[in-house]
């Protein structure tokens, strides 16, 4: 029955892709990837046992091949986005018991990991900020303080979006500030495709949200997913505190904000002499907000208390528990109504989390990746070289696919490398997850990029020329911070400073 069901599933995935006639190059590439993945997965799942039992579960060696087959299918779907990411997550959970990799109750229970509920609480808190208007008040208040000169306004948008992305999902920050930028360029009468200043405003929003999003657990979906995978891999020892993550990423955030401002300042000409009209508009918008409402004040206190708990007792109580308690208090304190905010929750991302964590757990339990890594990567490979390779793969891969999908693909491989080569899994988690959020080049690479590009004020070529440079600088900055600064925090103690040069040369 399992074989018949899996064959039907593969056939249904393959059926819409077999009509080559009339396809463009992207469609042909996707078809090729999916077709190759289906053939490889079938060979792994139902072919002869070619993974030697060494380092595998001796009672079920075929489970490793079938777990790898499921990973190949899911990876191809995450890469091509032929079906939604959430649907691939559901597929992963279904295939694990279907192919006998793990019992169905165990596979389904993995969906209820703490990372899913932590992100649910974060989504609800962010939705409450938007619904009550507190996020708009914070945005206008911050930007208004930087509206004296044209370049100060660019810097203000960059810093504001970065700061808010420390506490809210970056896509929500971009969507929230985007209408304000549209008003500014409209009042200043900036031409689409021609105004260099308009390009700098929208790029400042996108890049600020992206950079700030790596600073804490709250800026993007990829971080809770990575924490969930780490927890499943290491158990109770696989915990990274809120303060540790912030401390590890803060230098990258600060340096990249400076780099972004310099890039916008010197690569785009400021063709606006005065922003007086925009300043007047912002002043009027702030006055129109009036005093804070009771709901806003209660939410502000709740938000500060939540962050304080994450920092102070998050390691002991659990980030997910605190997030759910805070989400519940939104309704106890009558800050919001469920119907007002339920549409703000990205349920698809939560479903994708569950599937990715379940798949990562299966790969860990069967030791499939460890077997492959042991035969592909020499055991004497320096830790810094391994981390540099994974960071480079993350920053390249996330330009073409969802950063959550990039983490779901790379982190299980990274953990296998950690086990085989003696690399700290916590360091590996940071080295993969932080660069997976630094996608500057393509509109499709992250929601902030897509939102800002949709305004039509700059072309793909405009952002790619600058984004590639930003990504390259971000990688170098991360490698230096990783080798010099992280050991001071007790992260990656075995990384030698001298290995940075070797890692860069190796890349």
Protein backbone atom coordinates (compact mmCIF):
# COMPACT_ATOMS: atom_id res chain seq x y z
CA UNK A 1 0.00 0.00 0.00
CA UNK A 2 2.80 2.40 0.87
CA UNK A 3 4.55 1.69 -2.41
CA UNK A 4 1.39 2.25 -4.47
CA UNK A 5 0.59 5.50 -2.64
CA UNK A 6 4.12 6.84 -3.08
CA UNK A 7 4.12 5.97 -6.81
CA UNK A 8 0.82 7.79 -7.28
CA UNK A 9 2.19 10.80 -5.37
CA UNK A 10 5.33 10.95 -7.53
CA UNK A 11 3.25 10.61 -10.68
CA UNK A 12 1.01 13.49 -9.63
CA UNK A 13 4.03 15.69 -8.93
CA UNK A 14 5.55 14.79 -12.27
CA UNK A 15 2.37 15.08 -14.39
CA UNK A 16 2.11 18.90 -14.69
CA UNK A 17 5.78 19.14 -15.59
CA UNK A 18 6.04 16.74 -18.53
CA UNK A 19 4.73 19.09 -21.22
CA UNK A 20 8.01 20.61 -22.42
CA UNK A 21 6.50 22.42 -25.38
CA UNK A 22 5.95 26.12 -24.72
CA UNK A 23 8.05 26.20 -21.54
CA UNK A 24 10.49 28.98 -20.80
CA UNK A 25 13.97 28.36 -19.42
CA UNK A 26 12.92 28.65 -15.78
CA UNK A 27 10.12 26.13 -16.26
CA UNK A 28 12.45 23.72 -18.04
CA UNK A 29 14.98 24.04 -15.21
CA UNK A 30 12.29 23.36 -12.61
CA UNK A 31 11.05 20.37 -14.59
CA UNK A 32 14.57 18.98 -14.81
CA UNK A 33 15.14 19.38 -11.07
CA UNK A 34 11.83 17.74 -10.13
CA UNK A 35 12.27 14.91 -12.63
CA UNK A 36 15.79 14.14 -11.42
CA UNK A 37 14.66 14.27 -7.81
CA UNK A 38 11.79 11.85 -8.42
CA UNK A 39 14.06 9.33 -10.14
CA UNK A 40 16.72 9.63 -7.41
CA UNK A 41 14.15 9.36 -4.62
CA UNK A 42 12.57 6.26 -6.20
CA UNK A 43 15.98 4.61 -6.51
CA UNK A 44 16.73 5.35 -2.86
CA UNK A 45 13.35 4.27 -1.52
CA UNK A 46 12.85 1.05 -3.47
CA UNK A 47 16.27 0.22 -4.87
CA UNK A 48 18.91 -2.04 -3.33
CA UNK A 49 20.51 -1.15 -0.01
CA UNK A 50 23.58 0.85 -1.01
CA UNK A 51 24.15 2.73 2.23
CA UNK A 52 26.49 0.51 4.23
CA UNK A 53 25.16 -0.22 7.75
CA UNK A 54 28.16 1.50 9.33
CA UNK A 55 26.98 4.49 11.44
CA UNK A 56 23.34 3.64 10.64
CA UNK A 57 20.61 1.95 12.65
CA UNK A 58 21.58 -1.71 12.13
CA UNK A 59 17.98 -2.86 12.61
CA UNK A 60 16.57 -0.56 9.91
CA UNK A 61 19.31 0.49 7.46
CA UNK A 62 16.75 1.01 4.69
CA UNK A 63 15.15 3.77 6.81
CA UNK A 64 18.20 5.96 6.16
CA UNK A 65 17.82 5.63 2.40
CA UNK A 66 14.12 6.38 2.56
CA UNK A 67 14.69 9.39 4.81
CA UNK A 68 17.22 10.61 2.27
CA UNK A 69 14.70 9.97 -0.53
CA UNK A 70 12.12 12.16 1.25
CA UNK A 71 14.76 14.86 1.75
CA UNK A 72 15.62 14.81 -1.99
CA UNK A 73 11.94 15.24 -2.93
CA UNK A 74 11.33 18.02 -0.40
CA UNK A 75 14.57 19.81 -1.32
CA UNK A 76 13.60 19.85 -5.01
CA UNK A 77 10.15 21.23 -4.15
CA UNK A 78 11.58 23.90 -1.84
CA UNK A 79 14.10 24.88 -4.52
CA UNK A 80 11.57 25.12 -7.34
CA UNK A 81 8.50 26.24 -5.35
CA UNK A 82 6.33 24.18 -7.71
CA UNK A 83 3.91 23.77 -4.83
CA UNK A 84 3.66 26.07 -1.78
CA UNK A 85 6.29 25.65 0.94
CA UNK A 86 3.57 24.69 3.41
CA UNK A 87 2.35 21.90 1.12
CA UNK A 88 5.89 20.50 1.00
CA UNK A 89 5.95 20.54 4.80
CA UNK A 90 2.73 18.50 4.87
CA UNK A 91 4.19 16.12 2.30
CA UNK A 92 7.27 15.52 4.46
CA UNK A 93 5.15 14.63 7.50
CA UNK A 94 2.99 12.28 5.41
CA UNK A 95 5.87 10.48 3.70
CA UNK A 96 7.79 9.69 6.89
CA UNK A 97 5.26 7.10 8.18
CA UNK A 98 4.18 6.17 4.65
CA UNK A 99 7.68 4.93 3.78
CA UNK A 100 8.30 3.44 7.21
CA UNK A 101 10.95 5.93 8.35
CA UNK A 102 9.21 6.54 11.69
CA UNK A 103 5.85 5.69 13.31
CA UNK A 104 3.02 8.01 12.32
CA UNK A 105 2.33 9.18 15.90
CA UNK A 106 5.97 10.21 16.27
CA UNK A 107 5.99 11.98 12.89
CA UNK A 108 2.80 13.89 13.67
CA UNK A 109 3.96 14.81 17.18
CA UNK A 110 7.02 16.55 15.76
CA UNK A 111 4.72 19.21 14.31
CA UNK A 112 4.05 20.36 17.85
CA UNK A 113 7.61 21.47 18.56
CA UNK A 114 8.28 24.64 20.53
CA UNK A 115 9.55 26.59 17.49
CA UNK A 116 6.11 26.43 15.85
CA UNK A 117 4.35 27.83 18.91
CA UNK A 118 7.03 30.44 19.52
CA UNK A 119 6.50 31.77 16.00
CA UNK A 120 2.71 31.65 16.43
CA UNK A 121 3.02 33.87 19.50
CA UNK A 122 5.33 36.26 17.64
CA UNK A 123 2.90 36.49 14.71
CA UNK A 124 0.03 37.32 17.08
CA UNK A 125 2.05 40.00 18.91
CA UNK A 126 3.10 41.58 15.59
CA UNK A 127 -0.49 41.47 14.37
CA UNK A 128 -1.62 43.26 17.52
CA UNK A 129 0.95 46.01 16.95
CA UNK A 130 -0.39 46.59 13.45
CA UNK A 131 -4.05 46.33 14.46
CA UNK A 132 -3.78 48.81 17.35
CA UNK A 133 -1.71 51.29 15.34
CA UNK A 134 1.25 51.08 17.74
CA UNK A 135 3.56 50.00 14.93
CA UNK A 136 2.56 53.00 12.79
CA UNK A 137 3.15 55.34 15.73
CA UNK A 138 6.62 53.91 16.32
CA UNK A 139 7.48 54.10 12.62
CA UNK A 140 6.40 57.71 12.12
CA UNK A 141 8.02 58.83 15.38
CA UNK A 142 11.35 57.25 14.43
CA UNK A 143 11.40 58.48 10.83
CA UNK A 144 10.35 61.99 11.85
CA UNK A 145 13.57 62.34 13.84
CA UNK A 146 15.65 61.90 10.67
CA UNK A 147 13.79 64.17 8.23
CA UNK A 148 16.11 67.18 8.22
CA UNK A 149 18.15 66.47 5.07
CA UNK A 150 17.68 64.03 2.17
CA UNK A 151 20.43 61.63 3.27
CA UNK A 152 19.37 61.82 6.91
CA UNK A 153 15.94 60.63 5.82
CA UNK A 154 17.52 57.69 3.94
CA UNK A 155 19.52 56.83 7.05
CA UNK A 156 16.41 57.19 9.20
CA UNK A 157 14.45 54.74 7.08
CA UNK A 158 17.40 52.32 7.13
CA UNK A 159 17.77 52.48 10.92
CA UNK A 160 14.02 52.49 11.63
CA UNK A 161 13.31 49.42 9.54
CA UNK A 162 16.32 47.63 11.06
CA UNK A 163 15.29 48.47 14.63
CA UNK A 164 11.67 47.39 14.14
CA UNK A 165 12.82 44.15 12.48
CA UNK A 166 14.56 43.24 15.72
CA UNK A 167 11.13 42.91 17.33
CA UNK A 168 8.77 42.11 14.44
CA UNK A 169 8.95 39.85 11.37
CA UNK A 170 10.84 41.70 8.66
CA UNK A 171 8.07 41.27 6.08
CA UNK A 172 5.61 42.97 8.45
CA UNK A 173 8.03 45.87 8.95
CA UNK A 174 8.49 46.32 5.19
CA UNK A 175 4.75 46.18 4.55
CA UNK A 176 4.14 48.69 7.33
CA UNK A 177 6.68 51.31 6.21
CA UNK A 178 6.16 50.84 2.47
CA UNK A 179 3.02 53.09 2.22
CA UNK A 180 4.87 55.87 4.04
CA UNK A 181 7.72 55.74 1.52
CA UNK A 182 5.19 55.82 -1.31
CA UNK A 183 3.70 59.00 0.16
CA UNK A 184 7.15 60.58 0.46
CA UNK A 185 8.14 59.91 -3.17
CA UNK A 186 4.71 61.07 -4.35
CA UNK A 187 4.90 64.35 -2.43
CA UNK A 188 8.44 64.95 -3.67
CA UNK A 189 7.25 64.16 -7.24
CA UNK A 190 10.04 61.65 -7.90
CA UNK A 191 9.95 59.90 -11.29
CA UNK A 192 9.79 56.11 -11.50
CA UNK A 193 12.94 54.56 -12.88
CA UNK A 194 14.74 57.92 -13.05
CA UNK A 195 15.03 59.32 -9.55
CA UNK A 196 18.16 58.08 -7.81
CA UNK A 197 16.84 59.35 -4.49
CA UNK A 198 13.66 57.30 -4.81
CA UNK A 199 15.80 54.21 -5.41
CA UNK A 200 17.80 54.91 -2.27
CA UNK A 201 14.63 55.32 -0.16
CA UNK A 202 13.15 51.98 -1.20
CA UNK A 203 16.48 50.12 -1.00
CA UNK A 204 17.02 51.59 2.46
CA UNK A 205 13.71 50.10 3.59
CA UNK A 206 14.43 46.67 2.09
CA UNK A 207 18.04 46.45 3.29
CA UNK A 208 17.28 47.81 6.75
CA UNK A 209 14.52 45.23 7.32
CA UNK A 210 16.80 42.44 6.06
CA UNK A 211 19.76 43.43 8.24
CA UNK A 212 17.69 43.99 11.38
CA UNK A 213 15.90 40.68 10.82
CA UNK A 214 19.02 38.66 11.69
CA UNK A 215 19.53 40.38 15.03
CA UNK A 216 17.03 38.45 17.20
CA UNK A 217 14.68 35.47 17.13
CA UNK A 218 11.81 37.72 16.05
CA UNK A 219 12.90 39.13 12.70
CA UNK A 220 12.24 36.16 10.48
CA UNK A 221 10.75 32.70 10.28
CA UNK A 222 14.08 30.98 9.64
CA UNK A 223 15.43 31.53 13.19
CA UNK A 224 12.71 29.68 15.15
CA UNK A 225 12.94 26.91 12.55
CA UNK A 226 16.70 26.66 13.11
CA UNK A 227 16.20 26.61 16.88
CA UNK A 228 13.66 23.82 16.52
CA UNK A 229 16.04 21.76 14.39
CA UNK A 230 18.88 22.38 16.86
CA UNK A 231 16.71 21.35 19.80
CA UNK A 232 15.73 18.10 18.08
CA UNK A 233 19.37 17.41 17.24
CA UNK A 234 20.89 18.14 20.66
CA UNK A 235 17.98 17.80 23.06
CA UNK A 236 18.07 20.01 26.15
CA UNK A 237 21.66 21.00 25.36
CA UNK A 238 20.62 22.53 22.04
CA UNK A 239 19.47 25.88 23.40
CA UNK A 240 20.57 29.36 22.38
CA UNK A 241 19.38 32.16 24.65
CA UNK A 242 17.87 35.38 23.36
CA UNK A 243 20.87 37.37 24.61
CA UNK A 244 23.41 34.96 23.11
CA UNK A 245 21.82 35.20 19.68
CA UNK A 246 21.62 38.99 19.89
CA UNK A 247 25.22 39.26 21.09
CA UNK A 248 26.46 36.96 18.30
CA UNK A 249 24.64 38.81 15.52
CA UNK A 250 24.91 42.41 16.77
CA UNK A 251 28.33 43.16 15.19
CA UNK A 252 27.10 41.91 11.81
CA UNK A 253 23.97 44.07 12.11
CA UNK A 254 25.88 47.24 13.05
CA UNK A 255 28.61 46.81 10.43
CA UNK A 256 26.18 45.96 7.65
CA UNK A 257 24.00 48.97 8.48
CA UNK A 258 27.06 51.18 8.05
CA UNK A 259 27.97 49.41 4.81
CA UNK A 260 24.40 49.78 3.52
CA UNK A 261 24.32 53.50 4.27
CA UNK A 262 27.68 54.04 2.53
CA UNK A 263 26.49 52.03 -0.46
CA UNK A 264 23.32 54.11 -0.75
CA UNK A 265 25.19 57.33 -0.10
CA UNK A 266 27.92 56.90 -2.71
CA UNK A 267 26.48 54.56 -5.35
CA UNK A 268 23.25 56.52 -5.85
CA UNK A 269 23.27 60.22 -6.58
CA UNK A 270 21.07 62.37 -4.34
CA UNK A 271 19.05 64.29 -6.95
CA UNK A 272 16.82 66.03 -4.39
CA UNK A 273 17.82 69.32 -2.78
CA UNK A 274 15.01 69.66 -0.25
CA UNK A 275 12.59 67.30 1.47
CA UNK A 276 10.57 70.05 3.15
CA UNK A 277 7.30 68.76 1.70
CA UNK A 278 8.00 65.27 3.06
CA UNK A 279 8.90 66.73 6.47
CA UNK A 280 5.59 68.57 6.62
CA UNK A 281 3.72 65.41 5.67
CA UNK A 282 5.40 63.39 8.42
CA UNK A 283 4.70 66.10 11.00
CA UNK A 284 1.03 66.14 10.02
CA UNK A 285 0.80 62.34 10.19
CA UNK A 286 2.30 62.29 13.68
CA UNK A 287 -0.07 65.01 14.93
CA UNK A 288 -3.01 63.12 13.40
CA UNK A 289 -2.21 60.07 15.53
CA UNK A 290 -3.10 61.92 18.72
CA UNK A 291 -2.32 60.54 22.19
CA UNK A 292 -1.74 56.83 22.73
CA UNK A 293 -4.90 54.83 23.26
CA UNK A 294 -5.40 52.52 26.21
CA UNK A 295 -4.94 49.49 23.96
CA UNK A 296 -1.62 50.85 22.68
CA UNK A 297 -0.35 51.51 26.20
CA UNK A 298 -1.32 48.02 27.39
CA UNK A 299 0.35 46.48 24.35
CA UNK A 300 3.51 48.51 24.85
CA UNK A 301 3.79 47.31 28.46
CA UNK A 302 3.05 43.72 27.43
CA UNK A 303 5.62 43.86 24.62
CA UNK A 304 8.36 45.19 26.90
CA UNK A 305 7.53 42.58 29.56
CA UNK A 306 7.65 39.81 26.93
CA UNK A 307 11.08 40.86 25.69
CA UNK A 308 12.32 41.15 29.28
CA UNK A 309 11.12 37.61 30.00
CA UNK A 310 12.75 36.27 26.82
CA UNK A 311 16.03 37.84 27.93
CA UNK A 312 15.79 37.07 31.63
CA UNK A 313 14.07 33.69 31.97
CA UNK A 314 13.67 32.48 28.39
CA UNK A 315 16.39 29.87 28.81
CA UNK A 316 14.66 28.33 31.85
CA UNK A 317 10.97 28.69 30.98
CA UNK A 318 11.20 28.40 27.22
CA UNK A 319 10.72 31.03 24.52
CA UNK A 320 7.61 29.31 23.19
CA UNK A 321 5.91 29.24 26.59
CA UNK A 322 6.53 32.96 27.10
CA UNK A 323 5.30 33.77 23.58
CA UNK A 324 2.07 31.83 24.10
CA UNK A 325 1.44 33.43 27.50
CA UNK A 326 1.90 36.88 25.97
CA UNK A 327 -0.38 36.00 23.04
CA UNK A 328 -3.07 34.88 25.49
CA UNK A 329 -2.75 38.11 27.45
CA UNK A 330 -3.58 40.04 24.26
CA UNK A 331 -7.14 38.80 24.67
CA UNK A 332 -7.27 38.77 28.47
CA UNK A 333 -6.29 42.46 28.51
CA UNK A 334 -8.76 43.18 25.67
CA UNK A 335 -6.04 44.60 23.44
CA UNK A 336 -7.34 42.90 20.29
CA UNK A 337 -10.12 40.65 19.06
CA UNK A 338 -9.27 37.31 17.43
CA UNK A 339 -11.11 38.20 14.23
CA UNK A 340 -9.01 41.36 13.89
CA UNK A 341 -5.68 39.58 13.82
CA UNK A 342 -6.20 36.01 12.62
CA UNK A 343 -5.53 37.00 9.00
CA UNK A 344 -2.10 38.38 9.96
CA UNK A 345 -0.85 34.95 11.06
CA UNK A 346 1.17 33.19 8.37
CA UNK A 347 -0.27 29.73 8.91
CA UNK A 348 1.63 28.40 5.88
CA UNK A 349 4.99 29.19 7.47
CA UNK A 350 3.95 27.38 10.66
CA UNK A 351 3.02 24.27 8.66
CA UNK A 352 6.30 24.40 6.78
CA UNK A 353 8.11 24.52 10.15
CA UNK A 354 6.47 21.33 11.30
CA UNK A 355 7.44 19.45 8.16
CA UNK A 356 11.01 20.74 8.16
CA UNK A 357 11.56 19.83 11.83
CA UNK A 358 10.08 16.36 11.31
CA UNK A 359 12.29 15.76 8.27
CA UNK A 360 15.39 17.04 10.07
CA UNK A 361 14.64 14.75 13.01
CA UNK A 362 14.31 11.76 10.68
CA UNK A 363 17.64 12.55 9.03
CA UNK A 364 19.25 12.81 12.46
CA UNK A 365 17.76 9.59 13.84
CA UNK A 366 18.72 7.50 10.80
CA UNK A 367 22.20 9.12 10.49
CA UNK A 368 21.84 9.27 6.70
CA UNK A 369 23.72 12.53 6.28
CA UNK A 370 26.46 11.44 8.66
CA UNK A 371 27.15 8.45 6.43
CA UNK A 372 27.45 10.66 3.35
CA UNK A 373 29.48 13.40 5.03
CA UNK A 374 31.97 10.85 6.38
CA UNK A 375 32.71 9.76 2.80
CA UNK A 376 32.71 13.16 1.10
CA UNK A 377 34.49 15.53 3.50
CA UNK A 378 37.93 14.67 4.92
CA UNK A 379 37.96 14.27 8.69
CA UNK A 380 40.87 16.70 9.01
CA UNK A 381 38.99 19.61 7.36
CA UNK A 382 39.44 22.73 9.56
CA UNK A 383 36.23 23.78 11.33
CA UNK A 384 36.45 27.31 9.93
CA UNK A 385 36.54 25.99 6.36
CA UNK A 386 33.44 23.88 7.00
CA UNK A 387 31.59 26.85 8.52
CA UNK A 388 32.69 29.13 5.68
CA UNK A 389 31.39 26.67 3.08
CA UNK A 390 28.02 26.39 4.83
CA UNK A 391 27.73 30.18 5.29
CA UNK A 392 28.52 30.72 1.61
CA UNK A 393 25.98 28.10 0.57
CA UNK A 394 23.35 29.78 2.77
CA UNK A 395 23.93 33.28 1.43
CA UNK A 396 23.89 32.03 -2.19
CA UNK A 397 20.91 29.70 -1.81
CA UNK A 398 18.72 32.25 -0.06
CA UNK A 399 18.94 34.56 -3.08
CA UNK A 400 16.85 32.09 -5.06
CA UNK A 401 14.56 30.43 -2.52
CA UNK A 402 12.84 31.21 0.76
CA UNK A 403 15.33 31.68 3.59
CA UNK A 404 13.30 29.25 5.70
CA UNK A 405 13.61 26.67 2.93
CA UNK A 406 17.36 27.34 2.76
CA UNK A 407 17.67 26.63 6.50
CA UNK A 408 15.54 23.49 6.17
CA UNK A 409 17.84 22.19 3.43
CA UNK A 410 21.24 23.19 4.80
CA UNK A 411 21.00 22.82 8.57
CA UNK A 412 20.45 19.03 8.68
CA UNK A 413 23.51 18.69 6.42
CA UNK A 414 25.40 21.07 8.71
CA UNK A 415 24.54 19.02 11.80
CA UNK A 416 25.84 15.89 10.10
CA UNK A 417 29.09 17.73 9.38
CA UNK A 418 29.20 18.86 13.00
CA UNK A 419 28.94 15.30 14.26
CA UNK A 420 31.50 13.94 11.78
CA UNK A 421 34.07 16.74 11.96
CA UNK A 422 33.75 17.96 15.53
CA UNK A 423 32.16 21.33 14.78
CA UNK A 424 29.96 22.80 17.52
CA UNK A 425 26.29 22.44 16.38
CA UNK A 426 25.37 25.78 17.99
CA UNK A 427 28.08 27.50 15.95
CA UNK A 428 26.83 25.69 12.85
CA UNK A 429 23.29 26.91 13.55
CA UNK A 430 24.45 30.52 13.73
CA UNK A 431 26.74 30.15 10.70
CA UNK A 432 23.88 28.89 8.53
CA UNK A 433 20.92 30.87 9.88
CA UNK A 434 22.44 34.37 10.01
CA UNK A 435 23.65 34.45 6.36
CA UNK A 436 20.42 32.82 5.19
CA UNK A 437 18.73 36.09 6.14
CA UNK A 438 21.15 38.34 4.24
CA UNK A 439 19.63 38.31 0.75
CA UNK A 440 20.20 41.68 -0.92
CA UNK A 441 20.31 41.01 -4.66
CA UNK A 442 17.04 39.70 -6.12
CA UNK A 443 13.41 40.77 -5.64
CA UNK A 444 12.40 37.14 -5.08
CA UNK A 445 15.00 36.49 -2.39
CA UNK A 446 13.06 37.95 0.56
CA UNK A 447 9.69 39.62 1.28
CA UNK A 448 11.22 43.09 1.94
CA UNK A 449 12.99 42.97 -1.43
CA UNK A 450 9.81 41.90 -3.20
CA UNK A 451 7.66 44.56 -1.49
CA UNK A 452 10.05 47.42 -2.29
CA UNK A 453 10.66 46.27 -5.86
CA UNK A 454 6.89 46.20 -6.48
CA UNK A 455 6.82 50.02 -6.29
CA UNK A 456 8.55 50.13 -9.69
CA UNK A 457 11.13 52.79 -8.80
CA UNK A 458 14.18 50.65 -9.57
CA UNK A 459 15.06 47.76 -11.86
CA UNK A 460 16.49 44.31 -11.14
CA UNK A 461 19.82 45.51 -12.54
CA UNK A 462 19.82 48.49 -10.15
CA UNK A 463 19.57 46.32 -7.06
CA UNK A 464 21.67 43.39 -8.32
CA UNK A 465 24.76 45.49 -8.97
CA UNK A 466 24.70 46.75 -5.42
CA UNK A 467 23.19 43.65 -3.80
CA UNK A 468 25.94 41.31 -4.97
CA UNK A 469 28.52 43.60 -3.38
CA UNK A 470 26.47 43.78 -0.18
CA UNK A 471 26.21 39.98 -0.01
CA UNK A 472 29.96 39.54 -0.57
CA UNK A 473 30.78 42.07 2.15
CA UNK A 474 28.25 40.44 4.50
CA UNK A 475 29.94 37.07 4.05
CA UNK A 476 33.39 38.49 4.81
CA UNK A 477 32.06 40.36 7.85
CA UNK A 478 30.36 37.21 9.16
CA UNK A 479 33.52 35.10 8.78
CA UNK A 480 35.62 37.66 10.63
CA UNK A 481 33.05 38.03 13.42
CA UNK A 482 32.71 34.25 13.58
CA UNK A 483 36.41 33.64 14.10
CA UNK A 484 37.42 36.68 16.16
CA UNK A 485 34.37 37.70 18.21
CA UNK A 486 32.29 34.54 18.74
CA UNK A 487 34.99 32.70 20.74
CA UNK A 488 34.90 35.62 23.19
CA UNK A 489 31.24 34.71 23.81
CA UNK A 490 32.12 31.03 24.27
CA UNK A 491 30.80 30.15 20.79
CA UNK A 492 33.03 28.07 18.52
CA UNK A 493 35.95 27.86 20.91
CA UNK A 494 37.88 25.60 18.55
CA UNK A 495 37.96 28.06 15.66
CA UNK A 496 41.41 29.45 15.03
CA UNK A 497 41.74 33.10 14.05
CA UNK A 498 44.44 32.20 11.54
CA UNK A 499 41.97 30.00 9.66
CA UNK A 500 39.96 32.97 8.38
CA UNK A 501 42.44 33.69 5.62
CA UNK A 502 42.53 30.05 4.62
CA UNK A 503 38.75 29.86 4.52
CA UNK A 504 38.49 32.98 2.36
CA UNK A 505 41.15 31.69 0.00
CA UNK A 506 39.35 28.35 -0.17
CA UNK A 507 36.16 30.12 -1.24
